[in-house]
């Protein structure tokens, strides 16, 4: 287990790896919920990203997505109400002075009624790097100069806000041309692109 939590495992190449579930969560005004975080080693740099996090042992991506939304926002979603996964991404990024790799399944969901947000369920790590939650109007998201992940999210969000056509979208991070196998050689969950 790493200091980042039990969902991160160190691969043979020394890089931490995990599988994650994320949610493109829209409200009834088609605003997308994003979190803003910052790099602890470079507090002046911040970025916006979707709600979600690591898949715990024995948990399905759908279950993880629902749990993460609850922990990060206080909103409770019905697992049956999640659509997808609609998108899969491989990412490599720096996180708490570590280079990490993550395979992500993204689900689509709609917030029913009340959209009051709470930080009460944030973990210690989330409190250290997450700064705020915000419902973004899609036009404003498309026009922002802020860093937003995954790359191309404003275009994807506008497309998916109209509904999902059933086609799984695959994104590969520009910095990651090879997905690692976790220790033991088995992937708990990952993209099915060959």
Protein backbone atom coordinates (compact mmCIF):
# COMPACT_ATOMS: atom_id res chain seq x y z
CA UNK A 1 0.00 0.00 0.00
CA UNK A 2 1.27 3.48 -0.82
CA UNK A 3 0.89 6.59 1.28
CA UNK A 4 -1.77 7.68 -1.24
CA UNK A 5 -4.08 4.85 -0.16
CA UNK A 6 -4.83 1.16 -0.62
CA UNK A 7 -6.10 1.57 -4.19
CA UNK A 8 -2.62 2.57 -5.42
CA UNK A 9 -0.11 -0.23 -6.11
CA UNK A 10 3.51 0.13 -7.16
CA UNK A 11 4.31 -1.47 -10.52
CA UNK A 12 7.56 -3.18 -11.48
CA UNK A 13 8.74 0.09 -13.08
CA UNK A 14 8.24 1.90 -9.75
CA UNK A 15 5.23 3.92 -10.88
CA UNK A 16 2.05 3.87 -8.78
CA UNK A 17 -1.05 2.56 -10.58
CA UNK A 18 -4.76 2.30 -9.92
CA UNK A 19 -8.08 1.82 -11.63
CA UNK A 20 -10.60 4.61 -11.10
CA UNK A 21 -14.23 5.47 -11.76
CA UNK A 22 -15.33 9.00 -12.61
CA UNK A 23 -18.70 10.64 -13.24
CA UNK A 24 -19.81 13.26 -15.73
CA UNK A 25 -22.55 14.60 -13.47
CA UNK A 26 -25.02 17.06 -14.99
CA UNK A 27 -27.79 18.99 -13.28
CA UNK A 28 -31.19 19.81 -14.80
CA UNK A 29 -29.69 22.95 -16.40
CA UNK A 30 -27.02 20.86 -18.21
CA UNK A 31 -24.27 22.25 -15.99
CA UNK A 32 -21.37 19.85 -15.37
CA UNK A 33 -20.03 19.35 -11.86
CA UNK A 34 -16.25 19.65 -11.61
CA UNK A 35 -13.75 19.88 -8.77
CA UNK A 36 -10.77 22.23 -8.74
CA UNK A 37 -7.52 20.91 -7.37
CA UNK A 38 -3.96 22.09 -7.07
CA UNK A 39 -0.50 20.55 -7.03
CA UNK A 40 0.88 20.50 -3.48
CA UNK A 41 4.37 21.04 -4.93
CA UNK A 42 3.20 23.96 -7.08
CA UNK A 43 0.27 25.66 -5.28
CA UNK A 44 0.01 28.27 -8.04
CA UNK A 45 -1.08 25.62 -10.54
CA UNK A 46 -4.66 24.44 -10.42
CA UNK A 47 -6.99 22.52 -12.71
CA UNK A 48 -10.59 21.31 -12.99
CA UNK A 49 -11.53 17.64 -13.19
CA UNK A 50 -14.48 15.28 -12.95
CA UNK A 51 -15.75 13.77 -9.71
CA UNK A 52 -14.39 10.30 -8.98
CA UNK A 53 -11.52 8.27 -7.64
CA UNK A 54 -10.01 4.89 -7.03
CA UNK A 55 -11.86 1.60 -7.18
CA UNK A 56 -11.58 -0.22 -3.85
CA UNK A 57 -10.81 -3.96 -3.77
CA UNK A 58 -13.98 -5.97 -4.46
CA UNK A 59 -15.83 -2.92 -5.77
CA UNK A 60 -17.17 -2.57 -9.31
CA UNK A 61 -16.45 0.62 -11.27
CA UNK A 62 -20.16 1.55 -11.00
CA UNK A 63 -20.13 1.07 -7.21
CA UNK A 64 -16.94 3.12 -6.94
CA UNK A 65 -18.45 5.93 -9.03
CA UNK A 66 -21.50 6.15 -6.76
CA UNK A 67 -19.35 6.03 -3.60
CA UNK A 68 -16.99 8.72 -4.90
CA UNK A 69 -19.85 11.07 -5.79
CA UNK A 70 -21.24 10.63 -2.27
CA UNK A 71 -17.83 11.19 -0.62
CA UNK A 72 -16.83 14.17 -2.75
CA UNK A 73 -20.18 15.96 -3.05
CA UNK A 74 -22.60 14.55 -0.47
CA UNK A 75 -24.97 13.63 -3.31
CA UNK A 76 -26.37 10.10 -3.39
CA UNK A 77 -26.86 8.54 -6.79
CA UNK A 78 -28.72 5.36 -7.66
CA UNK A 79 -26.19 2.95 -9.24
CA UNK A 80 -28.88 1.91 -11.74
CA UNK A 81 -29.14 5.55 -12.84
CA UNK A 82 -25.56 5.68 -14.08
CA UNK A 83 -25.12 5.34 -17.83
CA UNK A 84 -22.08 3.65 -19.27
CA UNK A 85 -19.20 3.57 -18.93
CA UNK A 86 -19.33 6.14 -21.72
CA UNK A 87 -15.62 6.93 -21.79
CA UNK A 88 -12.34 5.21 -20.89
CA UNK A 89 -9.07 6.99 -20.40
CA UNK A 90 -5.50 6.11 -19.58
CA UNK A 91 -3.70 8.86 -17.75
CA UNK A 92 -0.25 9.51 -16.39
CA UNK A 93 0.21 12.50 -14.13
CA UNK A 94 2.05 13.83 -11.10
CA UNK A 95 0.22 13.50 -7.79
CA UNK A 96 1.72 14.30 -4.39
CA UNK A 97 5.30 14.28 -5.76
CA UNK A 98 4.76 10.90 -7.47
CA UNK A 99 4.30 10.05 -11.13
CA UNK A 100 1.20 7.86 -11.26
CA UNK A 101 -0.81 5.98 -13.87
CA UNK A 102 -4.53 5.51 -13.81
CA UNK A 103 -7.09 3.71 -15.98
CA UNK A 104 -10.46 5.46 -15.70
CA UNK A 105 -14.04 4.50 -16.52
CA UNK A 106 -16.36 7.51 -16.86
CA UNK A 107 -20.09 7.22 -16.25
CA UNK A 108 -22.83 9.67 -17.16
CA UNK A 109 -25.38 10.75 -14.52
CA UNK A 110 -28.01 13.38 -13.84
CA UNK A 111 -28.53 15.00 -10.46
CA UNK A 112 -32.16 14.71 -9.41
CA UNK A 113 -33.57 17.79 -7.72
CA UNK A 114 -31.36 19.12 -4.92
CA UNK A 115 -27.83 19.94 -6.00
CA UNK A 116 -26.43 21.28 -2.72
CA UNK A 117 -22.81 20.18 -2.38
CA UNK A 118 -20.94 19.07 0.73
CA UNK A 119 -17.24 18.53 1.47
CA UNK A 120 -17.98 16.57 4.66
CA UNK A 121 -16.93 13.25 3.09
CA UNK A 122 -13.58 14.43 1.76
CA UNK A 123 -10.61 12.29 2.76
CA UNK A 124 -7.45 13.85 4.19
CA UNK A 125 -5.78 13.64 0.77
CA UNK A 126 -8.79 15.29 -0.91
CA UNK A 127 -8.73 18.10 1.67
CA UNK A 128 -5.04 18.62 0.88
CA UNK A 129 -5.41 19.10 -2.88
CA UNK A 130 -9.08 19.81 -3.68
CA UNK A 131 -10.12 23.45 -3.44
CA UNK A 132 -13.72 23.70 -4.57
CA UNK A 133 -16.67 22.15 -6.37
CA UNK A 134 -18.53 24.03 -9.09
CA UNK A 135 -21.41 23.50 -11.50
CA UNK A 136 -20.11 24.71 -14.88
CA UNK A 137 -22.45 25.96 -17.63
CA UNK A 138 -21.19 24.22 -20.79
CA UNK A 139 -20.66 27.45 -22.72
CA UNK A 140 -18.55 28.84 -19.91
CA UNK A 141 -16.59 25.59 -19.66
CA UNK A 142 -15.87 25.72 -23.40
CA UNK A 143 -14.61 29.30 -23.10
CA UNK A 144 -12.44 28.93 -20.00
CA UNK A 145 -8.68 29.34 -20.16
CA UNK A 146 -8.33 27.16 -17.05
CA UNK A 147 -6.76 23.71 -17.29
CA UNK A 148 -9.49 21.05 -17.52
CA UNK A 149 -9.07 17.27 -17.48
CA UNK A 150 -9.47 15.11 -19.35
CA UNK A 151 -8.28 17.15 -22.32
CA UNK A 152 -11.21 17.87 -24.60
CA UNK A 153 -13.75 17.61 -21.77
CA UNK A 154 -15.76 20.71 -22.80
CA UNK A 155 -16.46 19.20 -26.25
CA UNK A 156 -17.16 15.73 -24.82
CA UNK A 157 -19.46 17.16 -22.14
CA UNK A 158 -21.49 19.14 -24.70
CA UNK A 159 -21.88 15.97 -26.77
CA UNK A 160 -22.81 13.73 -23.82
CA UNK A 161 -25.21 16.25 -22.25
CA UNK A 162 -27.49 15.56 -25.23
CA UNK A 163 -27.38 11.83 -24.46
CA UNK A 164 -25.12 8.88 -25.10
CA UNK A 165 -25.26 7.07 -28.43
CA UNK A 166 -23.86 3.83 -26.97
CA UNK A 167 -20.38 4.25 -28.44
CA UNK A 168 -17.62 3.87 -25.86
CA UNK A 169 -15.12 6.70 -26.26
CA UNK A 170 -11.44 5.83 -25.66
CA UNK A 171 -8.95 8.51 -24.67
CA UNK A 172 -5.24 7.93 -24.19
CA UNK A 173 -3.24 10.53 -22.34
CA UNK A 174 -0.55 12.10 -24.52
CA UNK A 175 2.08 11.19 -21.93
CA UNK A 176 1.19 7.51 -21.65
CA UNK A 177 1.77 5.25 -24.61
CA UNK A 178 1.81 2.00 -22.69
CA UNK A 179 -0.48 0.92 -19.89
CA UNK A 180 1.37 -0.85 -17.08
CA UNK A 181 0.26 -4.07 -15.50
CA UNK A 182 -0.09 -3.85 -11.73
CA UNK A 183 2.10 -6.16 -9.64
CA UNK A 184 1.26 -9.76 -10.40
CA UNK A 185 0.62 -8.93 -14.05
CA UNK A 186 -3.20 -8.80 -13.83
CA UNK A 187 -5.21 -5.72 -14.61
CA UNK A 188 -8.10 -5.28 -12.23
CA UNK A 189 -9.96 -3.21 -14.78
CA UNK A 190 -8.93 -1.26 -17.84
CA UNK A 191 -9.68 -0.23 -21.38
CA UNK A 192 -10.56 -2.92 -23.85
CA UNK A 193 -8.61 -1.61 -26.79
CA UNK A 194 -6.56 -4.61 -27.66
